[in-house]
Amino acid sequence: MELGDNMETITEDEAELYDRQIRLWGLDAQRRLRAASVLLIGMKGLGAEIAKNIILSGVKSVTLMDPNMIDEEDKMSQFFVSSAPVGQNRSVASAAPAQLLNPMVKVTADPGDPSDKNDDFFAQFDVICATGCKNSLQCRLDNLCQEKKIKFFSGDVFGFYGFMFSDLGRHEYLHEEIKKVKKDDQDKEEEGVTVTREVTNFSHLEDELKFDWTADTPGMKKKIRQTPSAFFITRVYEEFLELHSRRPTLATMEMDTKELQNLRISVLNKLGVPAKCIPEDFYEYGFGELSPVCAIVGGVLGQEIIKAVSQKDAPLNNFFLFNGVNDEGMVDKISL
């Protein structure tokens, strides 16, 4: 999307509802948001936080997709379904309460499995955000999004750990900077806002995940030290999800703990990084979804979607990694 493209007229009612936002990021930015159709895959706790943020921002439409049913763990973090019965579809149960947040945004539910959807289905959206998905599906969607020029985001939360990823391809945005300007006829300097058009390029998720960590150089050793531990830890949980088509659960904690310990060794060997990159006791903090972690990662993800669509301010490029065990949240780009 080029600057100035895909903008819709704001009605008087919308201008009144979004008055504070328009004052913050401008009318053109709100018009771009008003034109955006968003697909949000995965309606656990993280998905609920993202949905809340983008619906309140005033996008055109949000489609909530999740083929799974509500379970007891959802009651801990998914506020849209806190009173819904266990066994009901997550997306269907979430749609009505999500719609109440903003009647001017069209909210729909799709209980289908994203893995079964063809490419034409995804092509109708301006933004796709995949949460709780296997790496194989994330990579498929990311590659499709770059082909169709769709903005792609993904993320997940495992206990105290969480991450978000974004791939905006070649992204243009407006950067505002306050500078002191000296007028010709006066000695005094006055503050003025300078707006510049900037461009940033993103790498694909597939390339980031295939990054080679094995080079025995001082530069690589430094990079490994500086890479947040949450990147390596979440790779273990994503490997679990890929292999078992489910997340580690409290109900199967003993069995899943053993599997996570084995996968830790497997991931360390696969990546070729030191054992200290993934602490031995990491699994103790990775069961369920914690509401505060969902709020942090979901807040960042929602804000990045709003920034990308409105084309205001520099986006995060391209991982945000959160480790609640040591209160660490960092932005990192894995590939050099």
Protein backbone atom coordinates (compact mmCIF):
# COMPACT_ATOMS: atom_id res chain seq x y z
CA MET A 1 0.00 0.00 0.00
CA GLU A 2 1.49 3.30 -1.07
CA LEU A 3 0.99 6.46 0.94
CA GLY A 4 -2.33 8.02 0.11
CA ASP A 5 -3.86 4.79 -1.25
CA ASN A 6 -6.93 2.96 0.06
CA MET A 7 -8.57 5.72 2.10
CA GLU A 8 -12.29 6.10 2.79
CA THR A 9 -14.38 9.11 3.73
CA ILE A 10 -15.04 9.54 7.45
CA THR A 11 -18.68 10.22 8.38
CA GLU A 12 -19.66 12.82 10.96
CA ASP A 13 -20.54 10.09 13.46
CA GLU A 14 -17.15 8.47 12.96
CA ALA A 15 -15.37 11.80 13.26
CA GLU A 16 -17.08 12.32 16.60
CA LEU A 17 -16.33 8.79 17.84
CA TYR A 18 -12.68 8.86 16.74
CA ASP A 19 -12.06 12.52 17.58
CA ARG A 20 -9.21 11.85 20.02
CA GLN A 21 -7.52 9.42 17.64
CA ILE A 22 -7.80 11.82 14.72
CA ARG A 23 -6.19 14.53 16.85
CA LEU A 24 -3.40 12.10 17.70
CA TRP A 25 -2.51 10.63 14.30
CA GLY A 26 -4.46 12.73 11.78
CA LEU A 27 -7.46 12.35 9.49
CA ASP A 28 -5.62 10.57 6.67
CA ALA A 29 -4.36 7.90 9.06
CA GLN A 30 -7.89 7.31 10.37
CA ARG A 31 -9.20 7.09 6.80
CA ARG A 32 -6.66 4.38 6.02
CA LEU A 33 -7.74 2.48 9.13
CA ARG A 34 -11.37 2.86 8.09
CA ALA A 35 -10.60 1.11 4.79
CA ALA A 36 -8.74 -1.89 6.27
CA SER A 37 -10.13 -5.42 6.47
CA VAL A 38 -8.34 -7.58 9.05
CA LEU A 39 -8.26 -11.36 9.45
CA LEU A 40 -7.36 -12.43 12.98
CA ILE A 41 -6.58 -16.13 13.34
CA GLY A 42 -6.64 -17.65 16.83
CA MET A 43 -9.00 -16.46 19.55
CA LYS A 44 -7.25 -17.45 22.75
CA GLY A 45 -6.10 -14.79 25.21
CA LEU A 46 -3.62 -13.15 22.84
CA GLY A 47 -6.16 -13.01 20.02
CA ALA A 48 -8.71 -11.37 22.32
CA GLU A 49 -6.27 -8.61 23.25
CA ILE A 50 -5.41 -7.93 19.60
CA ALA A 51 -9.07 -7.94 18.58
CA LYS A 52 -9.94 -5.43 21.29
CA ASN A 53 -7.19 -3.03 20.22
CA ILE A 54 -7.85 -3.04 16.48
CA ILE A 55 -11.64 -2.94 16.80
CA LEU A 56 -11.41 0.12 19.05
CA SER A 57 -9.05 1.78 16.53
CA GLY A 58 -11.80 1.89 13.91
CA VAL A 59 -10.82 -0.46 11.09
CA LYS A 60 -13.41 -1.39 8.48
CA SER A 61 -13.89 -5.02 9.44
CA VAL A 62 -12.40 -7.80 11.58
CA THR A 63 -12.91 -11.49 10.86
CA LEU A 64 -12.26 -13.71 13.89
CA MET A 65 -11.17 -17.20 12.83
CA ASP A 66 -10.69 -20.19 15.14
CA PRO A 67 -11.79 -23.80 14.55
CA ASN A 68 -11.22 -24.78 18.19
CA MET A 69 -13.62 -24.99 21.10
CA ILE A 70 -13.48 -23.14 24.41
CA ASP A 71 -11.66 -25.05 27.15
CA GLU A 72 -11.11 -24.41 30.84
CA GLU A 73 -7.74 -22.71 30.25
CA ASP A 74 -9.43 -20.08 28.06
CA LYS A 75 -11.28 -18.83 31.12
CA MET A 76 -7.97 -17.54 32.54
CA SER A 77 -7.12 -15.10 29.76
CA GLN A 78 -9.81 -14.85 27.05
CA PHE A 79 -12.15 -12.18 28.39
CA PHE A 80 -14.64 -12.45 25.49
CA VAL A 81 -15.57 -16.00 26.51
CA SER A 82 -15.30 -15.79 30.31
CA SER A 83 -19.00 -16.60 30.69
CA ALA A 84 -19.43 -18.77 27.58
CA PRO A 85 -19.89 -22.53 28.00
CA VAL A 86 -16.95 -24.88 27.50
CA GLY A 87 -17.24 -26.62 24.14
CA GLN A 88 -18.56 -23.65 22.16
CA ASN A 89 -16.49 -22.43 19.22
CA ARG A 90 -14.07 -19.67 20.29
CA SER A 91 -14.58 -17.37 17.30
CA VAL A 92 -18.37 -17.66 17.37
CA ALA A 93 -18.51 -17.00 21.13
CA SER A 94 -16.14 -14.01 20.80
CA ALA A 95 -17.85 -12.21 17.92
CA ALA A 96 -20.86 -10.75 19.74
CA PRO A 97 -18.99 -9.29 22.75
CA ALA A 98 -16.25 -8.02 20.42
CA GLN A 99 -18.84 -6.26 18.29
CA LEU A 100 -20.07 -4.36 21.35
CA LEU A 101 -16.71 -2.60 21.57
CA ASN A 102 -17.37 -0.62 18.40
CA PRO A 103 -20.63 -0.84 16.40
CA MET A 104 -18.99 0.95 13.45
CA VAL A 105 -16.62 -1.96 12.81
CA LYS A 106 -18.02 -5.07 11.13
CA VAL A 107 -17.07 -8.09 13.27
CA THR A 108 -17.70 -11.59 11.91
CA ALA A 109 -16.79 -15.10 13.03
CA ASP A 110 -15.36 -17.89 10.89
CA PRO A 111 -15.12 -21.26 12.68
CA GLY A 112 -13.21 -22.77 9.77
CA ASP A 113 -9.65 -24.10 9.88
CA PRO A 114 -7.18 -21.67 8.23
CA SER A 115 -5.14 -24.65 6.98
CA ASP A 116 -8.11 -25.68 4.83
CA LYS A 117 -8.63 -22.26 3.23
CA ASN A 118 -7.39 -21.61 -0.29
CA ASP A 119 -5.27 -18.64 -1.30
CA ASP A 120 -8.23 -16.72 -2.73
CA PHE A 121 -9.85 -16.60 0.69
CA PHE A 122 -6.88 -14.82 2.24
CA ALA A 123 -6.51 -12.41 -0.70
CA GLN A 124 -9.62 -10.46 0.36
CA PHE A 125 -7.89 -9.02 3.45
CA ASP A 126 -5.52 -6.07 3.89
CA VAL A 127 -3.99 -7.46 7.10
CA ILE A 128 -3.59 -11.04 8.32
CA CYS A 129 -2.57 -11.71 11.91
CA ALA A 130 -1.99 -15.35 12.86
CA THR A 131 -1.83 -16.33 16.53
CA GLY A 132 -1.45 -19.80 18.02
CA CYS A 133 -0.52 -21.25 14.61
CA LYS A 134 2.11 -23.77 13.58
CA ASN A 135 5.27 -22.37 12.01
CA SER A 136 4.42 -24.16 8.77
CA LEU A 137 1.11 -22.27 8.52
CA GLN A 138 2.72 -18.97 9.53
CA CYS A 139 5.32 -19.33 6.77
CA ARG A 140 2.68 -20.25 4.20
CA LEU A 141 0.61 -17.19 5.11
CA ASP A 142 3.64 -14.90 5.18
CA ASN A 143 4.75 -15.99 1.70
CA LEU A 144 1.22 -15.58 0.39
CA CYS A 145 0.92 -12.13 1.97
CA GLN A 146 4.09 -10.92 0.28
CA GLU A 147 2.84 -12.21 -3.06
CA LYS A 148 -0.52 -10.46 -2.61
CA LYS A 149 0.94 -7.37 -0.87
CA ILE A 150 -0.93 -8.04 2.35
CA LYS A 151 0.49 -6.99 5.71
CA PHE A 152 1.40 -10.04 7.79
CA PHE A 153 1.71 -10.41 11.55
CA SER A 154 1.96 -13.39 13.85
CA GLY A 155 2.44 -14.06 17.54
CA ASP A 156 1.91 -16.41 20.44
CA VAL A 157 2.06 -16.63 24.23
CA PHE A 158 3.29 -19.58 26.27
CA GLY A 159 3.00 -18.88 29.98
CA PHE A 160 5.53 -16.16 30.82
CA TYR A 161 6.92 -16.10 27.26
CA GLY A 162 5.56 -14.40 24.16
CA PHE A 163 6.53 -13.00 20.78
CA MET A 164 5.25 -11.09 17.80
CA PHE A 165 6.55 -11.06 14.24
CA SER A 166 5.78 -8.68 11.38
CA ASP A 167 6.52 -8.73 7.66
CA LEU A 168 5.36 -5.62 5.83
CA GLY A 169 7.50 -6.17 2.76
CA ARG A 170 8.61 -2.76 1.48
CA HIS A 171 6.80 -0.41 3.83
CA GLU A 172 6.40 3.36 3.46
CA TYR A 173 5.49 5.52 6.42
CA LEU A 174 5.50 9.12 7.60
CA HIS A 175 7.93 10.10 10.33
CA GLU A 176 7.27 13.23 12.37
CA GLU A 177 10.05 14.98 14.23
CA ILE A 178 9.89 18.13 16.31
CA LYS A 179 12.70 20.52 15.36
CA LYS A 180 13.55 24.07 16.28
CA VAL A 181 13.21 26.40 13.32
CA LYS A 182 14.72 29.89 13.15
CA LYS A 183 12.63 32.40 11.27
CA ASP A 184 14.37 34.80 8.89
CA ASP A 185 12.98 37.94 10.47
CA GLN A 186 13.45 36.87 14.09
CA ASP A 187 16.29 35.78 16.33
CA LYS A 188 14.08 33.39 18.28
CA GLU A 189 13.77 29.73 17.42
CA GLU A 190 10.35 28.13 17.36
CA GLU A 191 9.45 24.46 17.46
CA GLY A 192 8.01 23.02 14.30
CA VAL A 193 7.03 19.56 13.11
CA THR A 194 9.01 18.16 10.21
CA VAL A 195 7.38 15.29 8.31
CA THR A 196 9.53 12.97 6.21
CA ARG A 197 8.63 9.98 4.07
CA GLU A 198 10.60 6.90 5.08
CA VAL A 199 10.91 3.37 3.71
CA THR A 200 11.88 0.18 5.52
CA ASN A 201 12.22 -3.37 4.22
CA PHE A 202 11.25 -6.53 6.10
CA SER A 203 12.54 -10.07 5.83
CA HIS A 204 10.32 -13.14 5.63
CA LEU A 205 9.58 -15.42 8.57
CA GLU A 206 10.92 -18.45 6.72
CA ASP A 207 14.29 -16.73 6.29
CA GLU A 208 14.39 -15.65 9.92
CA LEU A 209 13.70 -19.17 11.18
CA LYS A 210 16.37 -20.66 8.88
CA PHE A 211 19.06 -18.27 10.06
CA ASP A 212 22.43 -20.01 10.44
CA TRP A 213 23.78 -19.61 13.99
CA THR A 214 26.75 -21.95 13.57
CA ALA A 215 29.46 -19.56 12.34
CA ASP A 216 32.38 -19.69 14.78
CA THR A 217 33.18 -15.99 14.71
CA PRO A 218 33.33 -13.24 17.35
CA GLY A 219 30.47 -11.47 15.58
CA MET A 220 28.19 -14.53 15.78
CA LYS A 221 29.08 -15.16 19.41
CA LYS A 222 28.14 -11.56 20.18
CA LYS A 223 24.86 -11.91 18.29
CA ILE A 224 23.94 -15.05 20.22
CA ARG A 225 24.64 -13.25 23.51
CA GLN A 226 22.53 -10.27 22.45
CA THR A 227 19.56 -12.26 21.11
CA PRO A 228 16.76 -12.39 23.71
CA SER A 229 16.37 -15.80 25.33
CA ALA A 230 12.65 -15.67 24.51
CA PHE A 231 13.48 -16.24 20.84
CA PHE A 232 15.10 -19.60 21.55
CA ILE A 233 12.60 -20.60 24.23
CA THR A 234 9.56 -19.98 22.06
CA ARG A 235 11.16 -22.08 19.31
CA VAL A 236 10.81 -25.08 21.64
CA TYR A 237 7.10 -24.44 22.19
CA GLU A 238 6.51 -23.89 18.47
CA GLU A 239 8.27 -27.18 17.77
CA PHE A 240 5.92 -28.85 20.27
CA LEU A 241 2.92 -27.31 18.49
CA GLU A 242 4.22 -28.40 15.09
CA LEU A 243 4.74 -32.00 16.20
CA HIS A 244 1.64 -32.54 18.34
CA SER A 245 -0.89 -30.10 16.82
CA ARG A 246 -1.64 -28.83 20.32
CA ARG A 247 -0.11 -26.73 23.06
CA PRO A 248 1.36 -28.00 26.36
CA THR A 249 -1.49 -28.16 28.87
CA LEU A 250 -1.85 -28.32 32.62
CA ALA A 251 -3.91 -31.49 32.25
CA THR A 252 -0.98 -33.30 30.62
CA MET A 253 1.75 -31.39 32.43
CA GLU A 254 3.90 -34.37 33.46
CA MET A 255 3.99 -35.87 29.98
CA ASP A 256 4.43 -32.51 28.27
CA THR A 257 7.28 -31.52 30.59
CA LYS A 258 9.29 -34.54 29.49
CA GLU A 259 8.60 -33.76 25.85
CA LEU A 260 9.61 -30.10 26.28
CA GLN A 261 12.88 -31.17 27.91
CA ASN A 262 13.62 -33.46 24.95
CA LEU A 263 12.67 -30.76 22.46
CA ARG A 264 14.99 -28.31 24.22
CA ILE A 265 17.94 -30.53 23.37
CA SER A 266 16.64 -31.04 19.84
CA VAL A 267 16.23 -27.30 19.20
CA LEU A 268 19.64 -26.50 20.67
CA ASN A 269 21.27 -29.06 18.38
CA LYS A 270 19.26 -27.93 15.38
CA LEU A 271 20.20 -24.28 15.84
CA GLY A 272 23.73 -24.96 17.00
CA VAL A 273 23.60 -22.49 19.89
CA PRO A 274 24.98 -22.91 23.45
CA ALA A 275 22.83 -24.72 26.03
CA LYS A 276 22.57 -21.55 28.15
CA CYS A 277 20.37 -19.97 25.45
CA ILE A 278 17.50 -22.08 26.79
CA PRO A 279 17.59 -22.45 30.60
CA GLU A 280 17.03 -26.00 31.86
CA ASP A 281 14.03 -24.92 33.95
CA PHE A 282 12.32 -22.95 31.13
CA TYR A 283 9.34 -25.35 31.03
CA GLU A 284 8.29 -24.36 34.55
CA TYR A 285 7.09 -20.99 33.24
CA GLY A 286 5.51 -21.98 29.92
CA PHE A 287 2.12 -23.57 30.64
CA GLY A 288 -1.17 -21.81 29.89
CA GLU A 289 -1.65 -18.20 28.86
CA LEU A 290 -1.09 -15.49 31.45
CA SER A 291 -3.36 -12.46 31.08
CA PRO A 292 -0.59 -9.88 31.76
CA VAL A 293 1.63 -11.44 29.08
CA CYS A 294 -1.27 -11.53 26.63
CA ALA A 295 -1.94 -7.86 27.38
CA ILE A 296 1.70 -6.87 26.76
CA VAL A 297 2.25 -8.86 23.57
CA GLY A 298 -1.29 -8.14 22.34
CA GLY A 299 -0.82 -4.45 23.02
CA VAL A 300 2.37 -4.35 20.99
CA LEU A 301 0.85 -6.41 18.18
CA GLY A 302 -2.30 -4.30 18.04
CA GLN A 303 -0.28 -1.09 18.00
CA GLU A 304 1.94 -2.40 15.21
CA ILE A 305 -1.09 -3.29 13.09
CA ILE A 306 -2.49 0.21 13.62
CA LYS A 307 0.87 1.80 12.73
CA ALA A 308 1.25 -0.33 9.63
CA VAL A 309 -2.23 0.39 8.30
CA SER A 310 -2.23 4.10 9.17
CA GLN A 311 1.36 4.43 7.88
CA LYS A 312 2.28 6.60 10.83
CA ASP A 313 5.64 6.20 12.59
CA ALA A 314 8.37 3.61 12.20
CA PRO A 315 7.28 -0.03 12.62
CA LEU A 316 9.08 -2.60 14.74
CA ASN A 317 11.29 -4.70 12.49
CA ASN A 318 10.55 -7.47 12.97
CA PHE A 319 10.40 -9.50 16.23
CA PHE A 320 9.18 -8.35 19.63
CA LEU A 321 10.22 -10.93 22.22
CA PHE A 322 8.93 -10.97 25.80
CA ASN A 323 10.23 -12.95 28.77
CA GLY A 324 8.14 -12.38 31.88
CA VAL A 325 10.52 -14.38 34.04
CA ASN A 326 13.10 -11.60 33.91
CA ASP A 327 10.75 -8.78 32.80
CA GLU A 328 12.51 -8.45 29.45
CA GLY A 329 10.85 -7.13 26.31
CA MET A 330 13.06 -6.50 23.30
CA VAL A 331 12.81 -5.79 19.58
CA ASP A 332 15.17 -7.83 17.44
CA LYS A 333 15.82 -8.68 13.81
CA ILE A 334 17.42 -12.10 13.54
CA SER A 335 18.86 -12.06 10.02
CA LEU A 336 21.87 -9.80 9.49
